[in-house]
Protein backbone atom coordinates (compact mmCIF):
# COMPACT_ATOMS: atom_id res chain seq x y z
CA MET A 1 86.28 133.55 110.36
CA ASN A 2 85.30 133.59 113.91
CA GLU A 3 84.84 129.77 113.95
CA LEU A 4 88.93 129.69 113.61
CA ASN A 5 88.90 131.61 116.56
CA GLN A 6 87.65 128.90 118.40
CA THR A 7 89.10 125.63 120.34
CA ILE A 8 88.16 122.45 117.97
CA VAL A 9 89.17 118.92 119.33
CA ALA A 10 88.42 115.83 117.36
CA ILE A 11 89.48 111.81 117.71
CA ALA A 12 92.74 111.77 115.29
CA THR A 13 92.97 108.07 115.14
CA ALA A 14 91.09 105.90 112.81
CA GLN A 15 87.84 104.27 114.07
CA GLY A 16 88.23 100.68 115.23
CA GLU A 17 89.33 98.94 117.98
CA GLY A 18 93.35 99.53 118.76
CA ALA A 19 95.67 99.75 121.61
CA LEU A 20 96.15 103.42 121.30
CA GLY A 21 93.59 106.38 120.46
CA VAL A 22 94.56 110.11 120.22
CA VAL A 23 92.33 112.93 120.47
CA ARG A 24 93.55 116.18 119.57
CA LEU A 25 93.00 119.95 120.56
CA SER A 26 93.98 123.25 118.84
CA GLY A 27 92.97 126.74 119.32
CA LYS A 28 94.20 129.51 121.92
CA ASP A 29 92.07 128.51 124.96
CA SER A 30 93.21 124.47 124.37
CA ILE A 31 96.16 124.07 126.85
CA GLU A 32 93.42 125.70 129.50
CA VAL A 33 90.66 123.25 128.08
CA ALA A 34 92.65 119.98 128.53
CA ASN A 35 93.81 121.39 131.80
CA ALA A 36 90.32 121.28 133.16
CA VAL A 37 89.78 117.68 132.62
CA PHE A 38 93.48 116.55 133.51
CA LYS A 39 94.27 115.05 137.07
CA GLY A 40 98.40 115.73 136.94
CA LYS A 41 100.99 118.14 136.40
CA ASN A 42 99.01 121.61 135.62
CA LEU A 43 99.38 121.98 132.10
CA VAL A 44 99.42 125.62 131.49
CA LYS A 45 102.56 125.77 133.29
CA GLN A 46 104.50 123.46 131.61
CA ALA A 47 107.06 123.97 128.84
CA SER A 48 106.13 122.94 125.12
CA HIS A 49 106.94 119.56 123.16
CA THR A 50 106.62 117.94 126.70
CA ILE A 51 104.98 115.12 127.60
CA HIS A 52 102.91 114.46 130.78
CA TYR A 53 101.10 111.12 132.50
CA GLY A 54 98.02 111.88 134.53
CA TYR A 55 94.64 110.90 134.24
CA ILE A 56 91.44 112.62 132.55
CA ILE A 57 88.46 113.29 134.92
CA GLU A 58 84.91 114.09 135.15
CA GLY A 59 84.55 115.27 138.50
CA SER A 60 85.17 112.31 141.08
CA LYS A 61 84.90 110.03 138.07
CA THR A 62 88.20 108.78 136.37
CA ILE A 63 87.88 108.70 132.22
CA ASP A 64 90.97 106.86 131.51
CA GLU A 65 94.83 107.23 131.90
CA VAL A 66 96.46 108.90 129.15
CA ILE A 67 99.16 110.75 128.12
CA VAL A 68 99.26 114.36 127.37
CA SER A 69 101.50 115.96 124.63
CA ILE A 70 101.81 120.04 124.45
CA PHE A 71 102.73 122.48 121.53
CA LYS A 72 102.81 125.84 121.96
CA ALA A 73 101.92 128.39 119.74
CA PRO A 74 103.82 128.59 116.63
CA LYS A 75 105.83 125.46 116.80
CA SER A 76 102.37 123.29 116.08
CA TYR A 77 101.44 121.48 113.22
CA THR A 78 98.51 124.53 113.10
CA THR A 79 101.12 127.06 114.76
CA GLU A 80 98.10 127.45 117.26
CA ASP A 81 98.26 126.31 121.16
CA SER A 82 97.83 122.25 120.74
CA ILE A 83 97.44 119.47 122.88
CA GLU A 84 97.22 115.63 121.96
CA ILE A 85 95.70 113.00 124.58
CA SER A 86 97.27 109.42 124.15
CA CYS A 87 94.57 106.96 125.59
CA HIS A 88 93.34 103.91 125.50
CA GLY A 89 92.19 103.08 121.66
CA SER A 90 88.36 102.04 122.59
CA LEU A 91 86.31 104.52 120.67
CA TYR A 92 84.02 104.59 123.44
CA ILE A 93 86.64 106.36 125.86
CA GLN A 94 87.72 108.51 122.73
CA GLU A 95 84.20 109.57 122.70
CA GLN A 96 84.00 110.17 126.35
CA ILE A 97 86.96 112.77 126.61
CA VAL A 98 85.75 114.44 123.16
CA SER A 99 82.28 115.38 124.85
CA LEU A 100 84.01 116.00 128.33
CA LEU A 101 86.32 118.78 126.38
CA ILE A 102 83.10 120.49 124.41
CA THR A 103 81.80 120.77 127.95
CA LYS A 104 84.87 122.87 129.06
CA GLY A 105 84.71 125.04 125.57
CA ALA A 106 86.12 123.48 122.87
CA ARG A 107 83.87 122.36 119.66
CA LEU A 108 83.88 119.58 117.64
CA ALA A 109 86.21 120.24 114.61
CA ASN A 110 85.25 120.12 110.91
CA PRO A 111 86.70 117.85 108.15
CA GLY A 112 90.36 118.71 107.95
CA GLU A 113 90.00 121.69 109.54
CA PHE A 114 93.53 121.16 111.41
CA THR A 115 95.01 121.43 108.14
CA LEU A 116 92.98 124.10 107.06
CA ARG A 117 94.39 126.32 109.89
CA ALA A 118 97.78 125.30 109.11
CA PHE A 119 97.06 126.51 105.48
CA LEU A 120 95.24 129.63 106.56
CA ASN A 121 97.97 130.81 109.62
CA GLY A 122 100.82 130.00 106.80
CA ARG A 123 102.76 127.00 108.06
CA ILE A 124 101.91 125.51 104.86
CA ASP A 125 100.70 126.35 101.34
CA LEU A 126 97.14 125.23 99.37
CA SER A 127 99.38 122.36 97.27
CA GLN A 128 100.76 121.11 100.75
CA ALA A 129 97.76 120.75 102.77
CA GLU A 130 96.40 118.74 99.56
CA ALA A 131 99.48 116.81 99.94
CA VAL A 132 98.90 115.74 103.05
CA ALA A 133 95.21 114.25 102.50
CA ASP A 134 97.21 112.46 99.36
CA LEU A 135 99.56 111.28 101.56
CA ILE A 136 96.89 109.85 103.99
CA ALA A 137 95.29 108.11 101.23
CA SER A 138 98.36 106.53 99.83
CA ASN A 139 97.80 103.08 99.03
CA SER A 140 101.08 102.19 97.22
CA GLU A 141 105.28 103.35 97.67
CA GLY A 142 104.64 105.49 94.55
CA SER A 143 101.56 107.18 95.91
CA LYS A 144 103.31 107.63 98.88
CA GLN A 145 106.64 109.39 97.17
CA ILE A 146 104.54 111.66 95.19
CA ALA A 147 102.68 113.03 98.26
CA LEU A 148 105.55 113.43 100.01
CA ASN A 149 107.50 115.45 97.38
CA GLN A 150 104.58 118.01 97.24
CA LEU A 151 104.52 118.24 101.30
CA ARG A 152 108.06 118.80 100.92
CA GLY A 153 106.75 122.29 98.84
CA GLY A 154 109.63 121.58 96.00
CA PHE A 155 107.03 122.10 93.35
CA ALA A 156 104.91 124.73 94.84
CA ASN A 157 108.41 126.94 95.87
CA GLU A 158 109.87 126.47 91.79
CA LEU A 159 106.33 128.03 91.36
CA SER A 160 106.25 130.83 93.71
CA VAL A 161 109.77 131.95 92.66
CA LEU A 162 108.77 132.15 88.75
CA ARG A 163 105.50 133.59 89.58
CA GLU A 164 107.20 136.17 91.86
CA GLU A 165 109.53 137.25 88.74
CA LEU A 166 106.01 137.55 86.61
CA ILE A 167 104.66 139.94 88.81
CA ASN A 168 107.46 141.99 88.62
CA PHE A 169 106.99 142.41 84.99
CA ALA A 170 103.39 142.72 85.52
CA SER A 171 103.92 145.83 88.02
CA LEU A 172 105.76 147.34 84.82
CA ILE A 173 103.46 146.55 82.42
CA GLU A 174 100.61 148.26 84.43
CA LEU A 175 102.72 151.11 85.11
CA GLU A 176 102.70 151.41 81.48
CA LEU A 177 99.06 151.84 81.55
CA ASP A 178 99.28 155.05 83.73
CA PHE A 179 101.64 156.42 80.82
CA SER A 180 99.98 155.08 77.75
CA GLU A 181 99.52 158.97 76.48
CA GLU A 182 103.77 159.40 76.61
CA ASP A 183 103.84 155.86 74.85
CA VAL A 184 106.85 154.47 77.03
CA ASP A 185 107.59 150.85 77.43
CA PHE A 186 108.91 150.27 81.25
CA ALA A 187 108.63 146.14 80.22
CA ASP A 188 111.52 144.87 78.67
CA ARG A 189 109.83 142.91 75.63
CA ASP A 190 113.11 140.95 75.26
CA ALA A 191 113.55 139.73 78.95
CA LEU A 192 109.69 139.18 79.35
CA VAL A 193 109.90 136.57 76.45
CA ALA A 194 113.05 135.12 77.86
CA LEU A 195 110.93 134.82 81.16
CA ILE A 196 107.58 133.78 79.85
CA GLN A 197 109.94 130.65 77.76
CA LYS A 198 111.44 129.88 80.97
CA ILE A 199 108.32 129.41 82.73
CA ILE A 200 106.44 127.24 80.04
CA THR A 201 109.58 125.20 79.78
CA LYS A 202 109.12 124.33 83.31
CA LEU A 203 104.89 123.99 83.17
CA ILE A 204 105.58 121.45 80.34
CA PRO A 205 106.65 118.67 81.81
CA LEU A 206 104.64 119.13 85.13
CA ILE A 207 101.43 118.82 82.90
CA ALA A 208 103.07 116.05 80.77
CA SER A 209 103.53 114.04 84.28
CA PHE A 210 99.85 114.29 85.31
CA LYS A 211 99.07 111.12 83.34
CA LEU A 212 101.36 108.92 84.89
CA GLY A 213 100.72 110.98 88.69
CA ASN A 214 97.11 110.54 88.13
CA ALA A 215 97.58 106.68 87.25
CA ILE A 216 100.13 105.96 90.54
CA LYS A 217 97.50 107.46 92.85
CA ASN A 218 94.96 105.79 91.59
CA GLY A 219 96.17 102.53 90.39
CA ILE A 220 97.36 101.54 86.92
CA ASN A 221 94.63 99.87 85.07
CA VAL A 222 96.00 96.81 83.21
CA ALA A 223 93.07 94.83 81.14
CA ILE A 224 94.17 90.88 80.77
CA VAL A 225 92.30 90.35 76.96
CA GLY A 226 92.43 87.19 74.83
CA LYS A 227 90.00 84.44 73.35
CA PRO A 228 88.39 81.71 75.39
CA ASN A 229 90.54 79.27 77.06
CA ALA A 230 93.34 81.02 76.54
CA GLY A 231 94.72 81.13 80.60
CA LYS A 232 93.23 84.56 81.55
CA SER A 233 91.67 83.58 84.72
CA THR A 234 94.68 81.32 85.54
CA LEU A 235 96.90 84.55 84.84
CA LEU A 236 94.86 86.44 87.00
CA ASN A 237 95.25 83.86 89.90
CA THR A 238 98.70 83.26 89.50
CA LEU A 239 99.43 87.11 89.91
CA LEU A 240 97.66 87.46 93.07
CA ASN A 241 98.30 84.00 94.36
CA GLU A 242 94.69 82.95 95.09
CA GLU A 243 91.92 81.51 93.30
CA ARG A 244 90.32 84.77 92.44
CA ALA A 245 88.56 83.56 89.31
CA ILE A 246 86.93 80.46 88.16
CA VAL A 247 88.78 78.60 86.03
CA SER A 248 87.18 75.89 83.87
CA GLU A 249 87.87 74.15 80.32
CA ILE A 250 84.55 75.05 79.28
CA ALA A 251 84.81 78.71 76.79
CA GLY A 252 82.97 81.74 78.12
CA THR A 253 83.25 81.25 81.67
CA THR A 254 84.07 84.56 82.34
CA ARG A 255 80.80 86.69 81.15
CA ASP A 256 81.73 90.23 83.24
CA THR A 257 85.17 91.81 84.41
CA ILE A 258 86.97 90.81 87.53
CA GLU A 259 89.20 93.28 89.17
CA GLU A 260 91.85 92.70 91.57
CA THR A 261 94.71 95.14 92.65
CA LEU A 262 98.63 93.81 92.88
CA ASN A 263 101.49 96.36 93.99
CA ILE A 264 104.24 95.70 91.81
CA ASN A 265 107.71 97.87 92.79
CA GLY A 266 105.71 99.83 95.20
CA ILE A 267 103.05 100.59 91.96
CA LEU A 268 99.54 99.69 92.35
CA PHE A 269 98.23 98.09 89.80
CA ARG A 270 94.37 97.08 88.81
CA PHE A 271 94.30 94.03 86.55
CA VAL A 272 90.86 93.10 84.95
CA ASP A 273 90.24 89.63 83.70
CA THR A 274 87.78 90.02 80.62
CA ALA A 275 85.31 87.78 79.12
CA GLY A 276 87.10 85.92 76.01
CA LEU A 277 87.18 87.56 72.73
CA ARG A 278 85.09 85.83 70.20
CA GLU A 279 81.78 85.82 68.11
CA THR A 280 78.91 84.70 70.10
CA THR A 281 75.02 84.70 70.12
CA ASP A 282 75.01 83.85 73.57
CA THR A 283 73.37 87.39 75.04
CA ILE A 284 74.99 87.67 78.40
CA GLU A 285 78.38 86.71 76.70
CA LYS A 286 77.96 88.88 74.18
CA ILE A 287 77.90 91.98 76.78
CA GLY A 288 80.81 90.62 78.08
CA VAL A 289 83.06 90.86 75.10
CA GLU A 290 81.88 94.34 74.55
CA LYS A 291 83.02 95.21 78.06
CA ALA A 292 86.54 93.54 77.49
CA PHE A 293 86.91 96.10 74.43
CA GLN A 294 85.61 98.89 76.43
CA GLN A 295 88.22 98.29 79.51
CA ILE A 296 91.19 97.92 76.77
CA ASP A 297 90.57 102.08 76.24
CA LYS A 298 90.42 102.33 79.87
CA SER A 299 93.42 100.99 80.70
CA SER A 300 96.76 102.32 80.70
CA VAL A 301 98.19 98.89 79.24
CA TYR A 302 96.66 95.83 78.60
CA VAL A 303 97.96 92.18 78.35
CA TYR A 304 97.16 90.56 75.10
CA LEU A 305 97.07 86.30 76.11
CA PHE A 306 96.83 83.57 73.83
CA ASP A 307 97.17 79.86 73.85
CA MET A 308 100.49 78.70 71.78
CA ASN A 309 98.68 75.49 71.19
CA THR A 310 95.67 76.11 69.53
CA THR A 311 96.42 79.67 68.03
CA ASN A 312 98.63 80.29 65.07
CA LEU A 313 100.50 83.40 64.14
CA ASP A 314 97.93 84.80 61.87
CA GLU A 315 95.71 84.43 64.07
CA VAL A 316 97.20 86.32 66.94
CA ASN A 317 97.90 89.31 64.12
CA GLU A 318 94.27 89.39 62.94
CA GLU A 319 93.05 89.43 66.69
CA LEU A 320 95.94 92.06 67.28
CA SER A 321 94.44 94.33 64.41
CA LEU A 322 91.55 94.52 66.53
CA LEU A 323 92.88 96.05 69.68
CA ASN A 324 93.43 99.69 70.19
CA LYS A 325 96.93 100.36 69.04
CA GLY A 326 97.35 103.59 70.82
CA ILE A 327 97.77 101.92 74.27
CA PRO A 328 100.60 100.34 75.54
CA ARG A 329 100.81 96.47 75.51
CA ILE A 330 102.40 93.06 76.49
CA LEU A 331 102.06 90.43 74.19
CA LEU A 332 101.67 86.83 76.36
CA ALA A 333 102.43 83.56 74.15
CA ASN A 334 101.10 80.85 77.55
CA LYS A 335 101.05 77.31 77.91
CA THR A 336 104.52 77.44 76.71
CA ASP A 337 105.11 74.38 78.51
CA LEU A 338 102.97 72.34 76.53
CA VAL A 339 103.78 73.44 73.12
CA SER A 340 106.53 71.74 70.43
CA ALA A 341 110.08 73.29 69.69
CA GLU A 342 109.36 73.81 66.52
CA LYS A 343 106.22 76.16 66.92
CA LEU A 344 108.36 77.92 70.09
CA THR A 345 110.95 78.66 67.20
CA GLU A 346 108.56 79.67 64.85
CA PHE A 347 107.20 82.50 67.64
CA GLN A 348 110.12 83.02 68.96
CA ASN A 349 111.29 84.45 65.32
CA SER A 350 108.18 86.21 64.74
CA GLU A 351 108.20 90.39 64.62
CA HIS A 352 106.43 90.41 67.55
CA ASP A 353 108.06 90.74 70.97
CA PHE A 354 106.52 88.03 73.29
CA ILE A 355 106.69 86.77 76.88
CA PHE A 356 106.72 83.23 76.80
CA ILE A 357 104.78 81.82 80.17
CA SER A 358 103.44 79.08 81.61
CA ALA A 359 100.06 80.65 83.63
CA LYS A 360 99.67 77.50 85.12
CA LYS A 361 103.27 76.22 86.09
CA LYS A 362 104.28 80.08 87.15
CA ILE A 363 106.78 80.32 84.25
CA LYS A 364 108.17 83.95 83.09
CA ILE A 365 105.76 85.70 85.93
CA GLU A 366 108.25 87.85 87.26
CA GLU A 367 109.40 88.70 83.73
CA LEU A 368 105.97 89.81 83.05
CA LYS A 369 105.79 91.56 86.05
CA ASN A 370 108.55 93.88 85.44
CA SER A 371 107.96 94.50 82.15
CA LEU A 372 104.35 95.82 83.11
CA TYR A 373 106.09 98.11 85.66
CA THR A 374 108.83 99.25 82.81
CA LYS A 375 105.94 100.13 80.51
CA VAL A 376 104.45 102.66 82.62
CA ILE A 377 107.44 103.50 84.42
CA ASP A 378 110.51 104.65 82.82
CA SER A 379 112.73 104.97 85.99
CA GLU A 380 112.48 104.65 89.73
CA ILE A 381 110.35 107.04 91.64
CA SER A 382 112.32 109.30 93.37
CA VAL A 383 111.11 111.78 96.47
CA ASN A 384 113.40 114.30 94.69
CA ASP A 385 110.41 113.81 91.40
CA THR A 386 108.02 116.32 90.57
CA ILE A 387 105.00 114.51 89.39
CA ILE A 388 101.68 116.11 89.37
CA SER A 389 98.45 113.75 90.45
CA ASN A 390 95.82 116.28 91.48
CA ILE A 391 93.50 117.26 88.64
CA ARG A 392 92.90 121.10 90.11
CA HIS A 393 97.00 121.58 89.82
CA TYR A 394 96.97 120.09 86.39
CA ASN A 395 93.93 122.64 85.20
CA SER A 396 95.68 125.51 86.43
CA LEU A 397 98.99 124.18 84.99
CA GLN A 398 97.54 123.82 81.69
CA ALA A 399 95.31 127.62 81.90
CA ALA A 400 98.34 129.24 82.79
CA GLN A 401 100.72 127.82 80.22
CA GLU A 402 97.65 128.41 77.63
CA ALA A 403 97.29 132.29 78.85
CA LEU A 404 101.69 132.54 78.33
CA GLN A 405 101.58 131.23 75.29
CA GLN A 406 99.01 133.93 74.08
CA SER A 407 101.29 136.66 75.68
CA LEU A 408 104.54 135.08 73.90
CA GLU A 409 101.80 135.59 70.68
CA GLY A 410 100.76 138.60 71.75
CA ILE A 411 104.30 140.02 72.35
CA GLU A 412 105.32 139.15 68.62
CA LEU A 413 102.68 141.02 67.38
CA GLY A 414 103.14 143.88 69.19
CA ILE A 415 99.94 144.01 71.25
CA THR A 416 99.20 146.99 73.46
CA GLY A 417 99.94 146.59 77.16
CA ASP A 418 96.32 146.43 78.39
CA LEU A 419 95.94 143.15 76.38
CA LEU A 420 99.38 141.65 77.29
CA ALA A 421 98.55 142.47 80.65
CA GLN A 422 95.12 140.66 80.85
CA ASP A 423 96.90 137.33 79.89
CA ILE A 424 99.76 137.49 82.18
CA ARG A 425 97.22 138.19 84.88
CA ILE A 426 95.40 135.10 83.96
CA ALA A 427 98.65 133.42 84.27
CA LEU A 428 99.29 134.56 87.66
CA ARG A 429 95.84 133.97 89.01
CA GLU A 430 96.34 130.08 87.71
CA LEU A 431 99.96 129.94 89.32
CA GLY A 432 98.11 131.57 92.64
CA ASN A 433 95.56 128.88 92.58
CA ILE A 434 97.57 126.17 92.75
CA THR A 435 99.57 127.19 96.60
CA GLY A 436 96.52 129.62 97.60
CA GLU A 437 99.17 132.96 96.74
CA ILE A 438 95.99 134.40 95.95
CA ASP A 439 92.37 135.09 97.42
CA ILE A 440 90.43 131.34 96.93
CA ASP A 441 87.25 130.99 96.49
CA GLN A 442 85.60 129.62 100.27
CA ASP A 443 83.49 127.41 98.13
CA ILE A 444 86.96 125.70 96.92
CA LEU A 445 88.45 125.75 100.14
CA GLY A 446 85.04 123.92 101.74
CA THR A 447 85.52 121.05 98.28
CA ILE A 448 89.30 120.72 99.26
CA PHE A 449 88.72 120.05 102.94
CA SER A 450 85.73 118.40 102.92
CA LYS A 451 87.62 115.22 101.76
CA PHE A 452 89.48 115.13 104.48
CA CYS A 453 89.26 112.95 107.54
CA ILE A 454 88.12 114.38 110.90
CA GLY A 455 90.82 115.33 113.10
CA LYS A 456 93.29 115.84 110.18
């Protein structure tokens, strides 16, 4: 903990050449440390939330022309005195400034240490700290919205209120244990049952949202499957608007999976072009076909594609019977620009809900994109939606629900207060784990914040 009393410094902007770079300081001596190398106004005498022009100097040598922003405790990201130095974007210049500040008493920050201090100083809870990392890593509108909602603290605040109510009951049950010989009940069991049911009702949709949240955060896997020459590679190229996959009239051209990403309505989809599904004696192609089936099982949704000119309905039904029925799918009848009106009518009147496309002519491709989106997203993701995307939160919510369910069953069976208290303690611990309202193991904190970039 002595390290947390030290002044830390790090480059806050991404590495690489750019117009500007930011060097960040935080700690009780940060203003004095920055002032020791700043030529301009005396930073120690300046008000919080002010910006000052000047130079970073080392003796008589000028390092760079800069702008310095001052944030005084407690009104800063870390709640400590903080300084941000905006300099030119040269990594060499930024490293020179950091090295100079270290000679004046700062030390290099650890990964995520600025956010760790914000958490330890009570500015944000642990779930909000993790949301910061998710926001930085977001690669789509959907993942950004989930992180922003968590950063606002709505999810954590709701859990905290419910947890406080449960703590009140837990304290009454603990009090009962002190008067066990008198056989008295301080905690109203009916009210406790109502509260536990209320909490479980809140937890169930949060737990259920993890599948969607995790998919949005990491990208939604979509396997493109079908027979050789059905047009899978052409479809991938059309979706991406580039020649990513090799297209050939020779059957079996794709022998391994090809993966590319596409943003649809703010959600990242990971498309995987697979080997054509067919019996083959070619060893390499056979491995590719096996991978295609494996890819379906790993997907959130798969696209089954077939050539209408060379495939009849019986063949489609036979092939669909071999594919995973537990995963949402989209059925694409391809090359509709070449098919006869009679055959088109036959497929339109079938039991299946086909989308009739031409991958080559880009017919109905937008309808396909919309269908993919609605298969996995029931409605537009809003900043007000509470969606869980963090596996640590998911595990704690599940454990809390199980403990609370055991509490309900125990109350119904009339178990003693000490056993009931044990289940409630587990639920309280798991809910507290999410926001850091209990003492968190240092190894867990180390794991969480080690994933942050240095400077955040």
